[in-house]
Amino acid sequence: GVLDGGLHMSLEVAGSLGVWMNNPDGPILVRAHPDGPISIPIKEFRDWENIIHNPDYHPEGDRSLKAHIVDSMRLAWSGFKHNEALPLLADAIMFHDIGKPATMKPNPKTGFNSYIMHEKVGAEIFREDYAMHYTDEEAEDMEWVIRQHMNWWVVAKYGKSMALLNHRAFPLLCQLARCDKSGLDDSVWEERMRWWNDRV
């Protein structure tokens, strides 16, 4: 599954073939294409090793955005490798925090950075710069899970929760939410899943 310093996802995955994590100009997503694999540089992550998280939310590795995404990818591979949606899940992990560099601001109260509205900004970046590499349905689902990946944790009102629950990409959103908290205890995700199951 993981080759340190090189292609991150196994070539057995049939959607995105992998991510070159250690490219000096930022990671490169390698996607399958009828004419052969295409390489997609993710320019927003050029400095992702220096985008640091609050460890209360993302304690993975050195707490960088890169460490968070690598750890989330590992969980996706180990926990969902038999899921036919794994290629899109891997891409959702890669893009879900793409809005963080543009929204990063120091938070004097916590001593860490804040990334307010990064999910909205990230969805817009994906739509403008990366959606063309996907089918229309894939692009719509990817944009939606990027936009909603914070709401999955905090939405409380019945109408809003049912709108998420009834979306075709809700299973993908649940899997992304699990991988997004890879550095935290499983009980955090399990408790929230019980809340969602009660809505069903």
Protein backbone atom coordinates (compact mmCIF):
# COMPACT_ATOMS: atom_id res chain seq x y z
CA GLY A 1 0.00 0.00 0.00
CA VAL A 2 2.45 2.70 1.10
CA LEU A 3 5.88 3.23 -0.44
CA ASP A 4 7.77 5.80 1.61
CA GLY A 5 9.00 8.66 -0.50
CA GLY A 6 7.12 7.62 -3.61
CA LEU A 7 3.75 6.49 -4.87
CA HIS A 8 1.44 6.49 -1.88
CA MET A 9 -1.48 4.34 -3.00
CA SER A 10 -1.18 0.86 -4.47
CA LEU A 11 -1.35 0.60 -8.26
CA GLU A 12 -4.15 -1.92 -7.73
CA VAL A 13 -6.46 1.03 -7.06
CA ALA A 14 -8.22 1.72 -10.32
CA GLY A 15 -9.26 5.37 -10.07
CA SER A 16 -6.43 7.48 -8.79
CA LEU A 17 -3.31 5.42 -9.16
CA GLY A 18 -1.53 7.26 -6.40
CA VAL A 19 0.01 10.40 -5.01
CA TRP A 20 3.66 11.36 -5.28
CA MET A 21 4.02 12.81 -1.79
CA ASN A 22 7.62 14.01 -1.85
CA ASN A 23 7.63 16.05 -5.03
CA PRO A 24 9.50 19.28 -4.13
CA ASP A 25 6.83 21.47 -5.73
CA GLY A 26 3.98 19.78 -3.85
CA PRO A 27 2.19 16.46 -4.21
CA ILE A 28 1.16 15.11 -7.60
CA LEU A 29 -2.06 13.14 -7.94
CA VAL A 30 -1.85 10.42 -10.60
CA ARG A 31 -5.22 9.53 -12.11
CA ALA A 32 -6.22 6.83 -14.54
CA HIS A 33 -7.22 7.98 -18.03
CA PRO A 34 -8.15 6.09 -21.22
CA ASP A 35 -5.06 7.52 -22.92
CA GLY A 36 -2.80 6.68 -19.99
CA PRO A 37 -2.24 8.05 -16.47
CA ILE A 38 -2.34 11.81 -16.03
CA SER A 39 -0.38 13.75 -13.41
CA ILE A 40 -2.14 16.56 -11.54
CA PRO A 41 0.10 18.87 -9.46
CA ILE A 42 -1.70 20.16 -6.38
CA LYS A 43 -0.19 23.61 -6.15
CA GLU A 44 -2.07 24.59 -3.00
CA PHE A 45 -0.05 22.03 -1.05
CA ARG A 46 3.37 23.26 -2.13
CA ASP A 47 4.12 24.23 1.49
CA TRP A 48 1.94 21.62 3.22
CA GLU A 49 4.74 20.47 5.52
CA ASN A 50 4.62 23.91 7.17
CA ILE A 51 0.84 24.12 7.60
CA ILE A 52 0.49 23.06 11.23
CA HIS A 53 -2.63 21.83 13.03
CA ASN A 54 -3.87 22.16 16.56
CA PRO A 55 -3.10 18.73 18.08
CA ASP A 56 -6.53 18.67 19.73
CA TYR A 57 -7.94 18.03 16.26
CA HIS A 58 -5.10 16.57 14.19
CA PRO A 59 -2.23 15.16 16.28
CA GLU A 60 -0.81 13.00 13.49
CA GLY A 61 2.98 12.91 13.15
CA ASP A 62 4.49 16.40 13.22
CA ARG A 63 0.93 17.84 13.07
CA SER A 64 1.48 19.15 9.55
CA LEU A 65 -1.15 19.03 6.85
CA LYS A 66 1.03 16.52 4.99
CA ALA A 67 1.21 14.20 8.02
CA HIS A 68 -2.56 14.44 8.45
CA ILE A 69 -3.29 13.50 4.85
CA VAL A 70 -0.73 10.67 4.81
CA ASP A 71 -2.20 9.20 8.00
CA SER A 72 -5.74 9.54 6.64
CA MET A 73 -4.68 7.75 3.45
CA ARG A 74 -3.21 4.89 5.46
CA LEU A 75 -6.47 4.47 7.36
CA ALA A 76 -8.43 4.52 4.09
CA TRP A 77 -6.23 1.80 2.67
CA SER A 78 -6.41 -0.41 5.76
CA GLY A 79 -10.06 0.19 6.60
CA PHE A 80 -11.75 0.56 3.22
CA LYS A 81 -9.48 -1.25 0.74
CA HIS A 82 -12.26 -3.64 -0.30
CA ASN A 83 -14.67 -0.78 -0.95
CA GLU A 84 -15.29 -0.07 -4.63
CA ALA A 85 -15.38 3.64 -3.77
CA LEU A 86 -11.78 3.61 -2.45
CA PRO A 87 -10.31 5.55 -5.42
CA LEU A 88 -12.74 8.43 -4.91
CA LEU A 89 -12.25 8.26 -1.13
CA ALA A 90 -8.50 8.59 -1.61
CA ASP A 91 -9.06 11.66 -3.78
CA ALA A 92 -11.54 13.12 -1.27
CA ILE A 93 -8.89 12.76 1.43
CA MET A 94 -6.37 14.46 -0.82
CA PHE A 95 -8.64 17.44 -1.57
CA HIS A 96 -10.78 17.86 1.55
CA ASP A 97 -8.41 20.38 3.16
CA ILE A 98 -7.27 22.09 -0.01
CA GLY A 99 -8.79 25.35 1.26
CA LYS A 100 -6.57 25.49 4.34
CA PRO A 101 -3.57 27.32 2.84
CA ALA A 102 -5.84 30.11 1.59
CA THR A 103 -7.70 30.48 4.91
CA MET A 104 -4.84 29.97 7.39
CA LYS A 105 -4.66 32.68 10.06
CA PRO A 106 -2.93 32.69 13.46
CA ASN A 107 -5.31 32.28 16.37
CA PRO A 108 -3.88 34.11 19.41
CA LYS A 109 -6.33 32.39 21.77
CA THR A 110 -5.09 28.88 20.96
CA GLY A 111 -1.57 29.61 19.77
CA PHE A 112 -2.30 27.61 16.62
CA ASN A 113 -3.65 28.43 13.18
CA SER A 114 -7.34 28.69 12.35
CA TYR A 115 -8.81 27.68 8.99
CA ILE A 116 -12.26 29.23 9.10
CA MET A 117 -14.44 28.37 6.08
CA HIS A 118 -11.70 26.24 4.55
CA GLU A 119 -14.30 23.70 3.45
CA LYS A 120 -16.23 26.31 1.42
CA VAL A 121 -13.07 27.77 -0.10
CA GLY A 122 -11.75 24.27 -0.80
CA ALA A 123 -14.91 23.24 -2.62
CA GLU A 124 -14.62 26.32 -4.83
CA ILE A 125 -10.94 25.64 -5.56
CA PHE A 126 -11.73 22.04 -6.47
CA ARG A 127 -14.57 23.09 -8.80
CA GLU A 128 -12.45 25.71 -10.56
CA ASP A 129 -9.11 23.90 -10.86
CA TYR A 130 -9.58 20.14 -10.51
CA ALA A 131 -13.13 19.05 -11.34
CA MET A 132 -12.30 18.72 -15.05
CA HIS A 133 -10.27 15.59 -14.26
CA TYR A 134 -13.39 13.72 -13.09
CA THR A 135 -16.70 12.63 -14.52
CA ASP A 136 -19.57 15.04 -13.88
CA GLU A 137 -21.00 12.83 -11.13
CA GLU A 138 -17.62 12.30 -9.48
CA ALA A 139 -16.88 16.02 -9.58
CA GLU A 140 -20.25 16.87 -8.04
CA ASP A 141 -19.76 14.33 -5.26
CA MET A 142 -16.19 15.44 -4.59
CA GLU A 143 -17.18 19.10 -4.38
CA TRP A 144 -20.07 18.20 -2.07
CA VAL A 145 -18.01 16.12 0.39
CA ILE A 146 -15.30 18.80 0.52
CA ARG A 147 -17.96 21.41 1.30
CA GLN A 148 -19.74 19.24 3.89
CA HIS A 149 -16.89 17.48 5.68
CA MET A 150 -17.09 19.84 8.67
CA ASN A 151 -20.90 19.85 8.75
CA TRP A 152 -20.87 16.06 9.18
CA TRP A 153 -19.51 16.64 12.69
CA VAL A 154 -21.56 19.63 13.81
CA VAL A 155 -24.94 19.69 12.07
CA ALA A 156 -27.78 19.32 14.58
CA LYS A 157 -31.03 20.50 13.03
CA TYR A 158 -33.30 17.84 11.59
CA GLY A 159 -33.75 19.41 8.17
CA LYS A 160 -30.05 19.99 7.56
CA SER A 161 -29.07 16.57 8.83
CA MET A 162 -31.63 14.87 6.60
CA ALA A 163 -30.37 16.84 3.59
CA LEU A 164 -26.92 15.39 4.18
CA LEU A 165 -28.22 11.92 4.95
CA ASN A 166 -30.24 11.73 1.74
CA HIS A 167 -27.43 12.83 -0.57
CA ARG A 168 -26.04 10.06 -2.78
CA ALA A 169 -22.49 10.82 -1.58
CA PHE A 170 -23.32 10.53 2.11
CA PRO A 171 -21.58 7.12 2.46
CA LEU A 172 -18.44 8.68 0.96
CA LEU A 173 -18.78 11.58 3.39
CA CYS A 174 -18.97 9.15 6.33
CA GLN A 175 -15.82 7.37 5.19
CA LEU A 176 -14.01 10.68 4.71
CA ALA A 177 -15.09 11.77 8.20
CA ARG A 178 -13.63 8.58 9.67
CA CYS A 179 -10.30 9.01 7.88
CA ASP A 180 -10.22 12.73 8.73
CA LYS A 181 -10.03 11.80 12.43
CA SER A 182 -7.40 9.11 11.98
CA GLY A 183 -5.25 10.57 14.74
CA LEU A 184 -8.01 10.52 17.35
CA ASP A 185 -9.57 7.69 19.32
CA ASP A 186 -12.12 5.61 17.39
CA SER A 187 -14.78 6.52 19.95
CA VAL A 188 -14.93 10.08 18.58
CA TRP A 189 -16.15 8.86 15.19
CA GLU A 190 -18.25 6.04 16.64
CA GLU A 191 -20.19 8.41 18.88
CA ARG A 192 -21.03 10.64 15.94
CA MET A 193 -22.01 7.64 13.80
CA ARG A 194 -24.46 6.60 16.52
CA TRP A 195 -25.98 10.07 16.24
CA TRP A 196 -26.37 9.62 12.49
CA ASN A 197 -27.81 6.13 12.90
CA ASP A 198 -30.45 7.55 15.20
CA ARG A 199 -31.50 9.84 12.36
CA VAL A 200 -31.95 6.83 10.08
